C-alpha atoms as a PDB file:
ATOM      1  CA  UNK A   1      46.800 178.259  78.321  1.00  0.00           C
ATOM      2  CA  UNK A   2      43.488 178.730  79.950  1.00  0.00           C
ATOM      3  CA  UNK A   3      41.636 176.243  82.342  1.00  0.00           C
ATOM      4  CA  UNK A   4      39.129 175.373  79.658  1.00  0.00           C
ATOM      5  CA  UNK A   5      41.452 175.182  76.514  1.00  0.00           C
ATOM      6  CA  UNK A   6      41.153 171.784  74.942  1.00  0.00           C
ATOM      7  CA  UNK A   7      43.961 170.283  73.076  1.00  0.00           C
ATOM      8  CA  UNK A   8      43.867 167.008  71.021  1.00  0.00           C
ATOM      9  CA  UNK A   9      46.273 164.314  70.253  1.00  0.00           C
ATOM     10  CA  UNK A  10      46.206 160.840  68.547  1.00  0.00           C
ATOM     11  CA  UNK A  11      46.823 157.341  69.834  1.00  0.00           C
ATOM     12  CA  UNK A  12      49.508 155.718  67.524  1.00  0.00           C
ATOM     13  CA  UNK A  13      49.276 152.123  66.343  1.00  0.00           C
ATOM     14  CA  UNK A  14      51.693 151.230  69.256  1.00  0.00           C
ATOM     15  CA  UNK A  15      49.413 152.972  71.727  1.00  0.00           C
ATOM     16  CA  UNK A  16      51.657 155.878  72.205  1.00  0.00           C
ATOM     17  CA  UNK A  17      50.273 159.443  72.795  1.00  0.00           C
ATOM     18  CA  UNK A  18      52.162 162.673  72.234  1.00  0.00           C
ATOM     19  CA  UNK A  19      51.425 165.162  74.993  1.00  0.00           C
ATOM     20  CA  UNK A  20      51.110 168.802  73.480  1.00  0.00           C
ATOM     21  CA  UNK A  21      54.133 170.925  74.217  1.00  0.00           C
ATOM     22  CA  UNK A  22      51.973 173.545  76.001  1.00  0.00           C
ATOM     23  CA  UNK A  23      51.118 170.756  78.647  1.00  0.00           C
ATOM     24  CA  UNK A  24      54.637 169.495  78.947  1.00  0.00           C
ATOM     25  CA  UNK A  25      55.991 172.982  79.386  1.00  0.00           C
ATOM     26  CA  UNK A  26      53.292 173.887  81.890  1.00  0.00           C
ATOM     27  CA  UNK A  27      54.100 170.782  84.026  1.00  0.00           C
ATOM     28  CA  UNK A  28      57.822 170.900  83.446  1.00  0.00           C
ATOM     29  CA  UNK A  29      57.800 167.379  82.081  1.00  0.00           C
ATOM     30  CA  UNK A  30      61.050 166.851  80.196  1.00  0.00           C
ATOM     31  CA  UNK A  31      62.037 163.819  78.152  1.00  0.00           C
ATOM     32  CA  UNK A  32      62.414 160.783  80.383  1.00  0.00           C
ATOM     33  CA  UNK A  33      59.786 162.042  82.928  1.00  0.00           C
ATOM     34  CA  UNK A  34      58.072 159.143  84.358  1.00  0.00           C
ATOM     35  CA  UNK A  35      54.341 159.364  84.568  1.00  0.00           C
ATOM     36  CA  UNK A  36      51.802 157.427  86.714  1.00  0.00           C
ATOM     37  CA  UNK A  37      48.691 156.582  84.669  1.00  0.00           C
ATOM     38  CA  UNK A  38      45.493 156.289  86.614  1.00  0.00           C
ATOM     39  CA  UNK A  39      42.012 155.505  85.295  1.00  0.00           C
ATOM     40  CA  UNK A  40      39.366 157.742  86.933  1.00  0.00           C
ATOM     41  CA  UNK A  41      35.531 157.860  86.371  1.00  0.00           C
ATOM     42  CA  UNK A  42      36.243 161.200  84.394  1.00  0.00           C
ATOM     43  CA  UNK A  43      38.898 159.839  82.271  1.00  0.00           C
ATOM     44  CA  UNK A  44      42.682 159.146  82.407  1.00  0.00           C
ATOM     45  CA  UNK A  45      44.837 160.986  84.960  1.00  0.00           C
ATOM     46  CA  UNK A  46      48.561 161.465  84.306  1.00  0.00           C
ATOM     47  CA  UNK A  47      50.874 162.473  87.258  1.00  0.00           C
ATOM     48  CA  UNK A  48      54.526 162.761  87.429  1.00  0.00           C
ATOM     49  CA  UNK A  49      55.899 159.851  89.426  1.00  0.00           C
ATOM     50  CA  UNK A  50      57.923 160.784  92.520  1.00  0.00           C
ATOM     51  CA  UNK A  51      61.732 160.631  92.026  1.00  0.00           C
ATOM     52  CA  UNK A  52      62.229 158.433  95.083  1.00  0.00           C
ATOM     53  CA  UNK A  53      59.847 155.863  96.623  1.00  0.00           C
ATOM     54  CA  UNK A  54      58.055 156.778  99.821  1.00  0.00           C
ATOM     55  CA  UNK A  55      60.070 156.077 102.998  1.00  0.00           C
ATOM     56  CA  UNK A  56      59.772 156.456 106.699  1.00  0.00           C
ATOM     57  CA  UNK A  57      62.134 156.915 109.587  1.00  0.00           C
ATOM     58  CA  UNK A  58      62.368 153.225 110.383  1.00  0.00           C
ATOM     59  CA  UNK A  59      63.351 152.432 106.808  1.00  0.00           C
ATOM     60  CA  UNK A  60      65.941 155.117 106.554  1.00  0.00           C
ATOM     61  CA  UNK A  61      67.390 154.935 110.162  1.00  0.00           C
ATOM     62  CA  UNK A  62      71.117 154.206 110.175  1.00  0.00           C
ATOM     63  CA  UNK A  63      71.541 154.650 106.406  1.00  0.00           C
ATOM     64  CA  UNK A  64      73.802 157.872 106.899  1.00  0.00           C
ATOM     65  CA  UNK A  65      76.671 156.962 108.976  1.00  0.00           C
ATOM     66  CA  UNK A  66      78.373 159.186 111.456  1.00  0.00           C
ATOM     67  CA  UNK A  67      81.897 158.721 112.741  1.00  0.00           C
ATOM     68  CA  UNK A  68      82.644 159.857 116.089  1.00  0.00           C
ATOM     69  CA  UNK A  69      80.444 160.449 119.196  1.00  0.00           C
ATOM     70  CA  UNK A  70      76.677 161.229 119.024  1.00  0.00           C
ATOM     71  CA  UNK A  71      75.824 164.869 118.697  1.00  0.00           C
ATOM     72  CA  UNK A  72      73.504 166.581 121.168  1.00  0.00           C
ATOM     73  CA  UNK A  73      70.316 168.277 119.919  1.00  0.00           C
ATOM     74  CA  UNK A  74      71.983 171.702 120.433  1.00  0.00           C
ATOM     75  CA  UNK A  75      74.940 170.549 118.391  1.00  0.00           C
ATOM     76  CA  UNK A  76      72.691 169.316 115.676  1.00  0.00           C
ATOM     77  CA  UNK A  77      70.630 172.629 115.653  1.00  0.00           C
ATOM     78  CA  UNK A  78      73.900 174.603 115.507  1.00  0.00           C
ATOM     79  CA  UNK A  79      75.211 172.529 112.576  1.00  0.00           C
ATOM     80  CA  UNK A  80      71.818 173.023 110.725  1.00  0.00           C
ATOM     81  CA  UNK A  81      71.958 176.787 111.410  1.00  0.00           C
ATOM     82  CA  UNK A  82      75.418 176.994 109.971  1.00  0.00           C
ATOM     83  CA  UNK A  83      74.457 175.120 106.806  1.00  0.00           C
ATOM     84  CA  UNK A  84      71.313 177.273 106.408  1.00  0.00           C
ATOM     85  CA  UNK A  85      73.514 180.404 106.541  1.00  0.00           C
ATOM     86  CA  UNK A  86      76.029 178.973 104.035  1.00  0.00           C
ATOM     87  CA  UNK A  87      73.214 178.127 101.655  1.00  0.00           C
ATOM     88  CA  UNK A  88      71.607 181.634 101.973  1.00  0.00           C
ATOM     89  CA  UNK A  89      75.046 183.110 100.913  1.00  0.00           C
ATOM     90  CA  UNK A  90      75.414 180.885  98.033  1.00  0.00           C
END
């Protein structure tokens, strides 16, 4: 589908709009995808909603418990490297 191709759809009596399959496929929007609807000066903008709400370190701190003594930075880096190697093999 080219940049300037125009597709049309109809608003139902319930206010529902069916997005053309070409658009859904291009965006990988499967049934159940939540969309954010934004009114802009140029029209209506649809964007896939993030799967998880935005977060920061302070919010997430302590959410993943670790039993045992704290690890050093070197130990954490080694564990990350081992996991990266394991995932590269899979």
